[in-house]
Amino acid sequence: MADLSDLMNMVNGTEPESETESKELEVMAEPEPEYSELLETSLLLTRNPLNKAIFETVPESKGDAVRYSTTTDDVALFNAVNGNSDPVKKLIGQEIEVSDMVITSAEVHEGRTPDGEQDENTPIVSKPCVHFYTPTGEHYTTLSNGIARAARNLISVGFAPCPEHTIIIKFRTIDTKKGTAHTFDLVKRN
């Protein structure tokens, strides 16, 4: 079996002292395939700067249908693009377990009326729309800037959910200079 100095050699990129030790280190260094794939994805997220364009509001028809996704499931992606979901605002104050997250584009009027409705006299823009999927198949969506910001922060620190490593988040409302905003807190990583 390899000792600590051999492991340090492996980490530092130096050669082991014998061919036998080299083979032992290769066997020890091979993680299970599923973990290896997850690790590679996690490393890509943490090594590469987050593409902030995912979260930008852009002119009409300029946003990608799917801007970001932790899933390749075609049903989940279609439902995200198609808009078949429940609103996150139903979950304010509640915790949910999230197994996947998708960010799509949604075309909306840029401005709001005093009562909070879309102002049809303002230009149409493409905003990020955040979709949360639970392990039981529930699907929640929001156009909230605060939740989009929290999702960006979650992804930027490498905590994007996946079925093997779900997260538990709690939605809440916070006071802002302009009134209130929705956001979420990370409660637990599984």
N, C-alpha and C. Protein backbone atom coordinates (compact mmCIF):
# COMPACT_ATOMS: atom_id res chain seq x y z
N MET A 1 0.84 -1.17 0.00
CA MET A 1 0.00 0.00 0.00
C MET A 1 0.89 1.25 0.00
N ALA A 2 0.39 2.31 -0.62
CA ALA A 2 1.15 3.55 -0.69
C ALA A 2 1.13 4.27 0.64
N ASP A 3 2.24 4.96 0.94
CA ASP A 3 2.29 5.72 2.19
C ASP A 3 2.02 7.20 1.90
N LEU A 4 2.08 8.01 2.94
CA LEU A 4 1.78 9.43 2.82
C LEU A 4 2.69 10.13 1.82
N SER A 5 3.97 9.79 1.80
CA SER A 5 4.90 10.46 0.86
C SER A 5 4.52 10.14 -0.58
N ASP A 6 4.05 8.90 -0.83
CA ASP A 6 3.63 8.54 -2.19
C ASP A 6 2.38 9.33 -2.60
N LEU A 7 1.47 9.50 -1.68
CA LEU A 7 0.27 10.28 -1.98
C LEU A 7 0.63 11.73 -2.24
N MET A 8 1.55 12.27 -1.46
CA MET A 8 2.01 13.65 -1.69
C MET A 8 2.68 13.78 -3.05
N ASN A 9 3.46 12.75 -3.44
CA ASN A 9 4.07 12.76 -4.77
C ASN A 9 3.00 12.81 -5.84
N MET A 10 1.92 12.04 -5.64
CA MET A 10 0.84 12.02 -6.61
C MET A 10 0.18 13.40 -6.69
N VAL A 11 -0.10 14.01 -5.56
CA VAL A 11 -0.73 15.33 -5.53
C VAL A 11 0.17 16.38 -6.16
N ASN A 12 1.47 16.30 -5.87
CA ASN A 12 2.42 17.30 -6.38
C ASN A 12 2.87 17.04 -7.81
N GLY A 13 2.46 15.89 -8.37
CA GLY A 13 2.83 15.59 -9.74
C GLY A 13 4.23 15.01 -9.90
N THR A 14 4.86 14.55 -8.83
CA THR A 14 6.17 13.94 -8.94
C THR A 14 6.00 12.43 -9.08
N GLU A 15 7.03 11.77 -9.58
CA GLU A 15 6.97 10.33 -9.86
C GLU A 15 7.17 9.49 -8.60
N PRO A 16 6.44 8.37 -8.48
CA PRO A 16 6.70 7.44 -7.38
C PRO A 16 8.05 6.75 -7.59
N GLU A 17 8.55 6.14 -6.53
CA GLU A 17 9.89 5.56 -6.60
C GLU A 17 9.95 4.26 -7.38
N SER A 18 8.87 3.50 -7.50
CA SER A 18 8.93 2.23 -8.24
C SER A 18 7.68 2.06 -9.08
N GLU A 19 7.72 1.11 -10.05
CA GLU A 19 6.58 0.83 -10.91
C GLU A 19 5.43 0.22 -10.11
N THR A 20 5.73 -0.61 -9.14
CA THR A 20 4.70 -1.22 -8.29
C THR A 20 3.94 -0.14 -7.53
N GLU A 21 4.68 0.80 -6.94
CA GLU A 21 4.04 1.89 -6.23
C GLU A 21 3.18 2.72 -7.16
N SER A 22 3.63 2.89 -8.41
CA SER A 22 2.88 3.64 -9.39
C SER A 22 1.53 2.99 -9.66
N LYS A 23 1.49 1.66 -9.82
CA LYS A 23 0.24 0.95 -10.07
C LYS A 23 -0.68 1.04 -8.86
N GLU A 24 -0.11 0.95 -7.65
CA GLU A 24 -0.93 1.07 -6.44
C GLU A 24 -1.58 2.44 -6.38
N LEU A 25 -0.83 3.48 -6.74
CA LEU A 25 -1.37 4.83 -6.70
C LEU A 25 -2.47 5.01 -7.74
N GLU A 26 -2.31 4.40 -8.94
CA GLU A 26 -3.34 4.50 -9.96
C GLU A 26 -4.64 3.89 -9.47
N VAL A 27 -4.58 2.73 -8.83
CA VAL A 27 -5.78 2.07 -8.31
C VAL A 27 -6.41 2.93 -7.24
N MET A 28 -5.60 3.49 -6.35
CA MET A 28 -6.13 4.33 -5.27
C MET A 28 -6.74 5.62 -5.81
N ALA A 29 -6.22 6.14 -6.92
CA ALA A 29 -6.64 7.43 -7.42
C ALA A 29 -7.91 7.37 -8.26
N GLU A 30 -8.40 6.17 -8.60
CA GLU A 30 -9.57 6.07 -9.45
C GLU A 30 -10.85 6.10 -8.61
N PRO A 31 -11.57 7.24 -8.62
CA PRO A 31 -12.84 7.28 -7.89
C PRO A 31 -13.92 6.52 -8.66
N GLU A 32 -15.00 6.23 -7.99
CA GLU A 32 -16.10 5.55 -8.66
C GLU A 32 -16.61 6.44 -9.78
N PRO A 33 -17.08 5.86 -10.91
CA PRO A 33 -17.47 6.66 -12.07
C PRO A 33 -18.51 7.74 -11.78
N GLU A 34 -19.55 7.44 -11.02
CA GLU A 34 -20.58 8.44 -10.76
C GLU A 34 -20.01 9.63 -10.01
N TYR A 35 -19.22 9.37 -8.99
CA TYR A 35 -18.63 10.45 -8.21
C TYR A 35 -17.67 11.26 -9.08
N SER A 36 -16.92 10.57 -9.93
CA SER A 36 -15.97 11.24 -10.81
C SER A 36 -16.69 12.23 -11.72
N GLU A 37 -17.83 11.82 -12.28
CA GLU A 37 -18.58 12.71 -13.16
C GLU A 37 -19.11 13.92 -12.39
N LEU A 38 -19.62 13.68 -11.18
CA LEU A 38 -20.11 14.78 -10.36
C LEU A 38 -18.97 15.73 -9.99
N LEU A 39 -17.83 15.16 -9.65
CA LEU A 39 -16.67 15.97 -9.29
C LEU A 39 -16.24 16.83 -10.46
N GLU A 40 -16.23 16.24 -11.67
CA GLU A 40 -15.84 16.99 -12.86
C GLU A 40 -16.78 18.16 -13.09
N THR A 41 -18.09 17.94 -12.93
CA THR A 41 -19.06 19.01 -13.09
C THR A 41 -18.85 20.08 -12.04
N SER A 42 -18.64 19.66 -10.81
CA SER A 42 -18.42 20.61 -9.73
C SER A 42 -17.16 21.44 -9.98
N LEU A 43 -16.09 20.78 -10.44
CA LEU A 43 -14.85 21.50 -10.72
C LEU A 43 -15.04 22.49 -11.85
N LEU A 44 -15.84 22.12 -12.86
CA LEU A 44 -16.09 23.06 -13.95
C LEU A 44 -16.80 24.29 -13.43
N LEU A 45 -17.77 24.09 -12.54
CA LEU A 45 -18.49 25.23 -11.99
C LEU A 45 -17.59 26.13 -11.15
N THR A 46 -16.68 25.53 -10.39
CA THR A 46 -15.87 26.34 -9.50
C THR A 46 -14.64 26.91 -10.19
N ARG A 47 -14.15 26.26 -11.24
CA ARG A 47 -12.96 26.77 -11.94
C ARG A 47 -13.30 27.88 -12.92
N ASN A 48 -14.45 27.75 -13.56
CA ASN A 48 -14.82 28.72 -14.58
C ASN A 48 -15.67 29.82 -13.96
N PRO A 49 -15.42 31.06 -14.33
CA PRO A 49 -16.27 32.12 -13.80
C PRO A 49 -17.70 31.90 -14.29
N LEU A 50 -18.66 32.21 -13.45
CA LEU A 50 -20.05 32.04 -13.80
C LEU A 50 -20.41 32.97 -14.95
N ASN A 51 -21.09 32.43 -15.94
CA ASN A 51 -21.53 33.22 -17.06
C ASN A 51 -22.68 34.11 -16.59
N LYS A 52 -22.39 35.35 -16.31
CA LYS A 52 -23.39 36.25 -15.74
C LYS A 52 -24.50 36.57 -16.73
N ALA A 53 -24.28 36.31 -18.03
CA ALA A 53 -25.33 36.56 -19.02
C ALA A 53 -26.55 35.68 -18.76
N ILE A 54 -26.36 34.57 -18.06
CA ILE A 54 -27.48 33.69 -17.72
C ILE A 54 -28.54 34.48 -16.96
N PHE A 55 -28.12 35.44 -16.15
CA PHE A 55 -29.03 36.15 -15.25
C PHE A 55 -29.37 37.56 -15.72
N GLU A 56 -28.94 37.95 -16.91
CA GLU A 56 -29.20 39.31 -17.38
C GLU A 56 -30.57 39.44 -18.02
N THR A 57 -31.14 40.62 -17.90
CA THR A 57 -32.34 40.96 -18.65
C THR A 57 -31.85 41.53 -19.98
N VAL A 58 -32.34 40.97 -21.08
CA VAL A 58 -31.86 41.35 -22.41
C VAL A 58 -33.06 41.73 -23.28
N PRO A 59 -32.80 42.39 -24.43
CA PRO A 59 -33.92 42.76 -25.31
C PRO A 59 -34.74 41.54 -25.75
N GLU A 60 -35.97 41.82 -26.13
CA GLU A 60 -36.90 40.77 -26.56
C GLU A 60 -36.26 39.83 -27.58
N SER A 61 -36.53 38.54 -27.45
CA SER A 61 -36.08 37.48 -28.35
C SER A 61 -34.56 37.31 -28.39
N LYS A 62 -33.84 37.86 -27.43
CA LYS A 62 -32.39 37.70 -27.40
C LYS A 62 -31.94 36.67 -26.37
N GLY A 63 -32.82 36.24 -25.49
CA GLY A 63 -32.45 35.27 -24.46
C GLY A 63 -32.59 33.84 -24.97
N ASP A 64 -31.68 32.97 -24.57
CA ASP A 64 -31.77 31.56 -24.93
C ASP A 64 -32.98 30.95 -24.24
N ALA A 65 -33.62 29.97 -24.91
CA ALA A 65 -34.78 29.31 -24.30
C ALA A 65 -34.37 28.70 -22.96
N VAL A 66 -33.26 27.95 -22.94
CA VAL A 66 -32.72 27.41 -21.70
C VAL A 66 -31.36 28.06 -21.49
N ARG A 67 -31.24 28.85 -20.45
CA ARG A 67 -30.00 29.56 -20.17
C ARG A 67 -29.04 28.72 -19.32
N TYR A 68 -29.59 27.88 -18.44
CA TYR A 68 -28.78 27.07 -17.53
C TYR A 68 -29.64 25.91 -17.06
N SER A 69 -29.01 24.75 -16.86
CA SER A 69 -29.77 23.61 -16.37
C SER A 69 -28.86 22.64 -15.64
N THR A 70 -29.40 22.04 -14.57
CA THR A 70 -28.68 20.97 -13.89
C THR A 70 -29.20 19.61 -14.34
N THR A 71 -30.14 19.61 -15.29
CA THR A 71 -30.72 18.36 -15.78
C THR A 71 -30.66 18.31 -17.29
N THR A 72 -30.64 17.09 -17.81
CA THR A 72 -30.75 16.88 -19.26
C THR A 72 -32.06 16.17 -19.58
N ASP A 73 -32.91 16.00 -18.58
CA ASP A 73 -34.19 15.33 -18.76
C ASP A 73 -35.06 16.16 -19.71
N ASP A 74 -35.44 15.56 -20.84
CA ASP A 74 -36.18 16.30 -21.85
C ASP A 74 -37.56 16.74 -21.37
N VAL A 75 -38.21 15.97 -20.52
CA VAL A 75 -39.53 16.36 -19.99
C VAL A 75 -39.39 17.59 -19.10
N ALA A 76 -38.41 17.58 -18.21
CA ALA A 76 -38.20 18.72 -17.32
C ALA A 76 -37.85 19.98 -18.12
N LEU A 77 -37.00 19.83 -19.12
CA LEU A 77 -36.61 20.98 -19.93
C LEU A 77 -37.79 21.53 -20.73
N PHE A 78 -38.59 20.61 -21.31
CA PHE A 78 -39.77 21.08 -22.05
C PHE A 78 -40.73 21.80 -21.13
N ASN A 79 -41.00 21.23 -19.96
CA ASN A 79 -41.93 21.87 -19.02
C ASN A 79 -41.40 23.22 -18.55
N ALA A 80 -40.10 23.35 -18.42
CA ALA A 80 -39.52 24.64 -18.04
C ALA A 80 -39.75 25.67 -19.13
N VAL A 81 -39.48 25.30 -20.37
CA VAL A 81 -39.65 26.23 -21.49
C VAL A 81 -41.13 26.51 -21.74
N ASN A 82 -41.97 25.50 -21.55
CA ASN A 82 -43.40 25.63 -21.81
C ASN A 82 -44.13 26.40 -20.71
N GLY A 83 -43.53 26.50 -19.53
CA GLY A 83 -44.11 27.30 -18.46
C GLY A 83 -45.15 26.57 -17.63
N ASN A 84 -45.15 25.26 -17.64
CA ASN A 84 -46.12 24.48 -16.88
C ASN A 84 -45.60 24.27 -15.46
N SER A 85 -46.01 25.15 -14.50
CA SER A 85 -45.47 25.05 -13.14
C SER A 85 -46.35 25.79 -12.16
N ASP A 86 -46.01 25.68 -10.89
CA ASP A 86 -46.67 26.44 -9.84
C ASP A 86 -45.76 27.61 -9.46
N PRO A 87 -46.34 28.72 -8.99
CA PRO A 87 -45.51 29.88 -8.62
C PRO A 87 -44.79 29.69 -7.29
N VAL A 88 -43.57 30.17 -7.23
CA VAL A 88 -42.78 30.12 -6.00
C VAL A 88 -43.47 30.91 -4.89
N LYS A 89 -44.21 31.95 -5.24
CA LYS A 89 -44.83 32.79 -4.20
C LYS A 89 -45.76 31.99 -3.29
N LYS A 90 -46.21 30.82 -3.72
CA LYS A 90 -47.02 29.94 -2.86
C LYS A 90 -46.18 29.33 -1.74
N LEU A 91 -44.85 29.37 -1.89
CA LEU A 91 -43.94 28.69 -0.96
C LEU A 91 -43.23 29.62 0.02
N ILE A 92 -43.57 30.91 0.01
CA ILE A 92 -42.88 31.85 0.89
C ILE A 92 -43.03 31.38 2.34
N GLY A 93 -41.90 31.29 3.04
CA GLY A 93 -41.88 30.83 4.42
C GLY A 93 -41.73 29.32 4.55
N GLN A 94 -41.69 28.60 3.44
CA GLN A 94 -41.60 27.15 3.48
C GLN A 94 -40.24 26.66 2.98
N GLU A 95 -39.88 25.46 3.42
CA GLU A 95 -38.67 24.78 2.93
C GLU A 95 -39.08 23.75 1.90
N ILE A 96 -38.27 23.62 0.84
CA ILE A 96 -38.48 22.55 -0.13
C ILE A 96 -37.14 21.91 -0.47
N GLU A 97 -37.20 20.64 -0.84
CA GLU A 97 -36.02 19.93 -1.30
C GLU A 97 -35.96 20.10 -2.82
N VAL A 98 -34.81 20.49 -3.33
CA VAL A 98 -34.64 20.75 -4.76
C VAL A 98 -33.63 19.77 -5.33
N SER A 99 -34.04 19.07 -6.40
CA SER A 99 -33.15 18.10 -7.04
C SER A 99 -32.59 18.62 -8.35
N ASP A 100 -33.26 19.58 -8.97
CA ASP A 100 -32.77 20.16 -10.22
C ASP A 100 -33.22 21.60 -10.31
N MET A 101 -32.46 22.37 -11.08
CA MET A 101 -32.77 23.77 -11.29
C MET A 101 -32.53 24.10 -12.76
N VAL A 102 -33.46 24.82 -13.35
CA VAL A 102 -33.35 25.23 -14.75
C VAL A 102 -33.62 26.73 -14.80
N ILE A 103 -32.85 27.43 -15.61
CA ILE A 103 -33.09 28.86 -15.81
C ILE A 103 -33.40 29.07 -17.28
N THR A 104 -34.58 29.61 -17.55
CA THR A 104 -35.02 29.85 -18.92
C THR A 104 -35.19 31.35 -19.14
N SER A 105 -35.62 31.71 -20.34
CA SER A 105 -35.94 33.09 -20.65
C SER A 105 -37.46 33.24 -20.66
N ALA A 106 -37.91 34.36 -20.17
CA ALA A 106 -39.33 34.69 -20.22
C ALA A 106 -39.46 36.12 -20.72
N GLU A 107 -40.30 36.30 -21.71
CA GLU A 107 -40.48 37.63 -22.28
C GLU A 107 -41.62 38.34 -21.55
N VAL A 108 -41.26 39.48 -20.95
CA VAL A 108 -42.21 40.27 -20.16
C VAL A 108 -41.99 41.74 -20.46
N HIS A 109 -42.97 42.56 -20.09
CA HIS A 109 -42.79 44.01 -20.21
C HIS A 109 -41.82 44.46 -19.13
N GLU A 110 -40.93 45.36 -19.50
CA GLU A 110 -39.87 45.81 -18.61
C GLU A 110 -40.38 46.54 -17.38
N GLY A 111 -41.38 47.36 -17.54
CA GLY A 111 -41.87 48.18 -16.44
C GLY A 111 -43.07 47.57 -15.73
N ARG A 112 -43.37 48.15 -14.56
CA ARG A 112 -44.51 47.72 -13.76
C ARG A 112 -45.42 48.92 -13.49
N THR A 113 -46.70 48.63 -13.36
CA THR A 113 -47.65 49.66 -12.97
C THR A 113 -47.59 49.83 -11.46
N PRO A 114 -48.19 50.89 -10.90
CA PRO A 114 -48.16 51.08 -9.44
C PRO A 114 -48.73 49.89 -8.66
N ASP A 115 -49.66 49.14 -9.26
CA ASP A 115 -50.23 47.98 -8.55
C ASP A 115 -49.44 46.69 -8.80
N GLY A 116 -48.26 46.80 -9.45
CA GLY A 116 -47.38 45.65 -9.62
C GLY A 116 -47.59 44.83 -10.87
N GLU A 117 -48.51 45.22 -11.71
CA GLU A 117 -48.76 44.49 -12.96
C GLU A 117 -47.78 44.95 -14.03
N GLN A 118 -47.63 44.15 -15.09
CA GLN A 118 -46.76 44.54 -16.20
C GLN A 118 -47.33 45.78 -16.89
N ASP A 119 -46.45 46.73 -17.18
CA ASP A 119 -46.84 47.95 -17.87
C ASP A 119 -46.69 47.72 -19.36
N GLU A 120 -47.81 47.59 -20.05
CA GLU A 120 -47.79 47.26 -21.48
C GLU A 120 -47.24 48.40 -22.33
N ASN A 121 -47.01 49.57 -21.75
CA ASN A 121 -46.43 50.70 -22.49
C ASN A 121 -44.91 50.68 -22.46
N THR A 122 -44.31 49.68 -21.82
CA THR A 122 -42.85 49.59 -21.76
C THR A 122 -42.38 48.47 -22.69
N PRO A 123 -41.12 48.52 -23.09
CA PRO A 123 -40.60 47.50 -24.02
C PRO A 123 -40.65 46.08 -23.41
N ILE A 124 -40.73 45.11 -24.29
CA ILE A 124 -40.67 43.71 -23.86
C ILE A 124 -39.20 43.31 -23.77
N VAL A 125 -38.86 42.64 -22.67
CA VAL A 125 -37.49 42.17 -22.45
C VAL A 125 -37.53 40.68 -22.12
N SER A 126 -36.38 40.05 -22.22
CA SER A 126 -36.24 38.63 -21.88
C SER A 126 -35.53 38.53 -20.54
N LYS A 127 -36.27 38.10 -19.50
CA LYS A 127 -35.74 38.01 -18.14
C LYS A 127 -35.43 36.55 -17.79
N PRO A 128 -34.51 36.35 -16.84
CA PRO A 128 -34.29 34.98 -16.37
C PRO A 128 -35.48 34.51 -15.55
N CYS A 129 -35.88 33.29 -15.80
CA CYS A 129 -36.97 32.65 -15.08
C CYS A 129 -36.39 31.40 -14.41
N VAL A 130 -36.45 31.33 -13.09
CA VAL A 130 -35.82 30.24 -12.35
C VAL A 130 -36.86 29.16 -12.04
N HIS A 131 -36.51 27.92 -12.37
CA HIS A 131 -37.38 26.76 -12.16
C HIS A 131 -36.72 25.84 -11.14
N PHE A 132 -37.49 25.42 -10.14
CA PHE A 132 -37.02 24.49 -9.12
C PHE A 132 -37.83 23.20 -9.24
N TYR A 133 -37.11 22.06 -9.29
CA TYR A 133 -37.77 20.75 -9.36
C TYR A 133 -37.47 19.99 -8.07
N THR A 134 -38.50 19.35 -7.53
CA THR A 134 -38.33 18.54 -6.32
C THR A 134 -38.14 17.09 -6.71
N PRO A 135 -37.60 16.25 -5.81
CA PRO A 135 -37.45 14.83 -6.12
C PRO A 135 -38.79 14.13 -6.40
N THR A 136 -39.89 14.70 -5.92
CA THR A 136 -41.20 14.09 -6.15
C THR A 136 -41.87 14.60 -7.42
N GLY A 137 -41.16 15.43 -8.20
CA GLY A 137 -41.67 15.89 -9.49
C GLY A 137 -42.41 17.20 -9.46
N GLU A 138 -42.49 17.86 -8.31
CA GLU A 138 -43.13 19.17 -8.26
C GLU A 138 -42.22 20.19 -8.94
N HIS A 139 -42.83 21.22 -9.53
CA HIS A 139 -42.09 22.19 -10.35
C HIS A 139 -42.59 23.59 -9.99
N TYR A 140 -41.67 24.45 -9.51
CA TYR A 140 -42.01 25.81 -9.10
C TYR A 140 -41.16 26.80 -9.89
N THR A 141 -41.77 27.94 -10.23
CA THR A 141 -41.11 28.92 -11.08
C THR A 141 -41.30 30.33 -10.56
N THR A 142 -40.29 31.18 -10.85
CA THR A 142 -40.40 32.59 -10.50
C THR A 142 -39.58 33.47 -11.45
N LEU A 143 -40.04 34.69 -11.62
CA LEU A 143 -39.30 35.73 -12.35
C LEU A 143 -38.64 36.70 -11.38
N SER A 144 -38.70 36.42 -10.10
CA SER A 144 -38.18 37.31 -9.07
C SER A 144 -36.69 37.58 -9.26
N ASN A 145 -36.33 38.87 -9.29
CA ASN A 145 -34.92 39.25 -9.37
C ASN A 145 -34.14 38.76 -8.16
N GLY A 146 -34.76 38.82 -6.98
CA GLY A 146 -34.09 38.38 -5.76
C GLY A 146 -33.79 36.89 -5.77
N ILE A 147 -34.73 36.10 -6.25
CA ILE A 147 -34.49 34.65 -6.32
C ILE A 147 -33.49 34.33 -7.42
N ALA A 148 -33.54 35.05 -8.53
CA ALA A 148 -32.53 34.86 -9.59
C ALA A 148 -31.13 35.17 -9.04
N ARG A 149 -31.02 36.22 -8.24
CA ARG A 149 -29.73 36.59 -7.64
C ARG A 149 -29.26 35.50 -6.68
N ALA A 150 -30.17 34.97 -5.85
CA ALA A 150 -29.82 33.89 -4.93
C ALA A 150 -29.41 32.63 -5.70
N ALA A 151 -30.09 32.34 -6.81
CA ALA A 151 -29.74 31.17 -7.64
C ALA A 151 -28.35 31.37 -8.24
N ARG A 152 -28.06 32.59 -8.70
CA ARG A 152 -26.72 32.89 -9.24
C ARG A 152 -25.66 32.66 -8.18
N ASN A 153 -25.91 33.12 -6.96
CA ASN A 153 -24.95 32.93 -5.88
C ASN A 153 -24.77 31.46 -5.54
N LEU A 154 -25.86 30.71 -5.54
CA LEU A 154 -25.80 29.28 -5.26
C LEU A 154 -24.93 28.55 -6.30
N ILE A 155 -25.14 28.87 -7.56
CA ILE A 155 -24.37 28.25 -8.64
C ILE A 155 -22.90 28.69 -8.58
N SER A 156 -22.68 29.97 -8.28
CA SER A 156 -21.31 30.49 -8.30
C SER A 156 -20.43 29.87 -7.23
N VAL A 157 -21.01 29.38 -6.13
CA VAL A 157 -20.21 28.72 -5.10
C VAL A 157 -20.19 27.20 -5.29
N GLY A 158 -20.77 26.71 -6.40
CA GLY A 158 -20.70 25.29 -6.72
C GLY A 158 -21.72 24.42 -6.02
N PHE A 159 -22.82 24.99 -5.55
CA PHE A 159 -23.83 24.22 -4.83
C PHE A 159 -25.07 23.92 -5.67
N ALA A 160 -24.92 23.85 -6.97
CA ALA A 160 -26.07 23.56 -7.82
C ALA A 160 -26.63 22.18 -7.47
N PRO A 161 -27.95 22.06 -7.36
CA PRO A 161 -28.53 20.77 -6.97
C PRO A 161 -28.49 19.75 -8.10
N CYS A 162 -28.52 18.49 -7.73
CA CYS A 162 -28.67 17.39 -8.68
C CYS A 162 -29.37 16.27 -7.92
N PRO A 163 -29.95 15.29 -8.62
CA PRO A 163 -30.69 14.24 -7.92
C PRO A 163 -29.85 13.50 -6.87
N GLU A 164 -28.56 13.36 -7.10
CA GLU A 164 -27.69 12.67 -6.14
C GLU A 164 -27.33 13.54 -4.94
N HIS A 165 -27.36 14.84 -5.11
CA HIS A 165 -26.99 15.78 -4.05
C HIS A 165 -28.01 16.93 -4.03
N THR A 166 -29.17 16.64 -3.46
CA THR A 166 -30.22 17.65 -3.40
C THR A 166 -29.87 18.73 -2.38
N ILE A 167 -30.62 19.81 -2.45
CA ILE A 167 -30.47 20.87 -1.47
C ILE A 167 -31.85 21.17 -0.87
N ILE A 168 -31.86 21.73 0.31
CA ILE A 168 -33.10 22.20 0.91
C ILE A 168 -32.97 23.71 1.03
N ILE A 169 -33.95 24.41 0.48
CA ILE A 169 -33.95 25.87 0.52
C ILE A 169 -35.24 26.36 1.17
N LYS A 170 -35.18 27.56 1.70
CA LYS A 170 -36.36 28.19 2.31
C LYS A 170 -36.59 29.53 1.64
N PHE A 171 -37.77 29.69 1.07
CA PHE A 171 -38.13 30.94 0.42
C PHE A 171 -38.61 31.94 1.47
N ARG A 172 -38.25 33.20 1.26
CA ARG A 172 -38.70 34.22 2.19
C ARG A 172 -38.79 35.57 1.48
N THR A 173 -39.41 36.51 2.15
CA THR A 173 -39.54 37.88 1.66
C THR A 173 -38.67 38.77 2.53
N ILE A 174 -37.94 39.67 1.89
CA ILE A 174 -37.10 40.62 2.63
C ILE A 174 -37.51 42.05 2.27
N ASP A 175 -37.23 42.96 3.18
CA ASP A 175 -37.49 44.38 2.92
C ASP A 175 -36.34 44.96 2.12
N THR A 176 -36.67 45.81 1.14
CA THR A 176 -35.66 46.49 0.33
C THR A 176 -35.98 47.97 0.31
N LYS A 177 -35.11 48.77 -0.29
CA LYS A 177 -35.34 50.21 -0.40
C LYS A 177 -36.59 50.52 -1.22
N LYS A 178 -36.91 49.62 -2.18
CA LYS A 178 -38.07 49.85 -3.04
C LYS A 178 -39.32 49.11 -2.57
N GLY A 179 -39.24 48.43 -1.44
CA GLY A 179 -40.40 47.68 -0.96
C GLY A 179 -39.97 46.34 -0.40
N THR A 180 -40.36 45.26 -1.08
CA THR A 180 -39.98 43.92 -0.66
C THR A 180 -39.47 43.12 -1.85
N ALA A 181 -38.77 42.04 -1.56
CA ALA A 181 -38.27 41.15 -2.60
C ALA A 181 -38.29 39.72 -2.07
N HIS A 182 -38.42 38.79 -2.98
CA HIS A 182 -38.33 37.38 -2.60
C HIS A 182 -36.89 36.92 -2.74
N THR A 183 -36.50 35.97 -1.92
CA THR A 183 -35.18 35.36 -1.98
C THR A 183 -35.30 33.96 -1.39
N PHE A 184 -34.19 33.27 -1.29
CA PHE A 184 -34.19 32.00 -0.58
C PHE A 184 -32.88 31.82 0.16
N ASP A 185 -32.93 31.02 1.21
CA ASP A 185 -31.76 30.66 1.99
C ASP A 185 -31.46 29.19 1.76
N LEU A 186 -30.20 28.84 1.74
CA LEU A 186 -29.79 27.44 1.70
C LEU A 186 -29.87 26.90 3.12
N VAL A 187 -30.69 25.89 3.33
CA VAL A 187 -30.88 25.31 4.65
C VAL A 187 -29.95 24.11 4.85
N LYS A 188 -29.83 23.28 3.80
CA LYS A 188 -29.04 22.06 3.92
C LYS A 188 -28.64 21.55 2.54
N ARG A 189 -27.44 20.97 2.48
CA ARG A 189 -26.99 20.25 1.28
C ARG A 189 -26.97 18.78 1.62
N ASN A 190 -27.59 17.97 0.79
CA ASN A 190 -27.61 16.51 1.03
C ASN A 190 -26.52 15.83 0.24
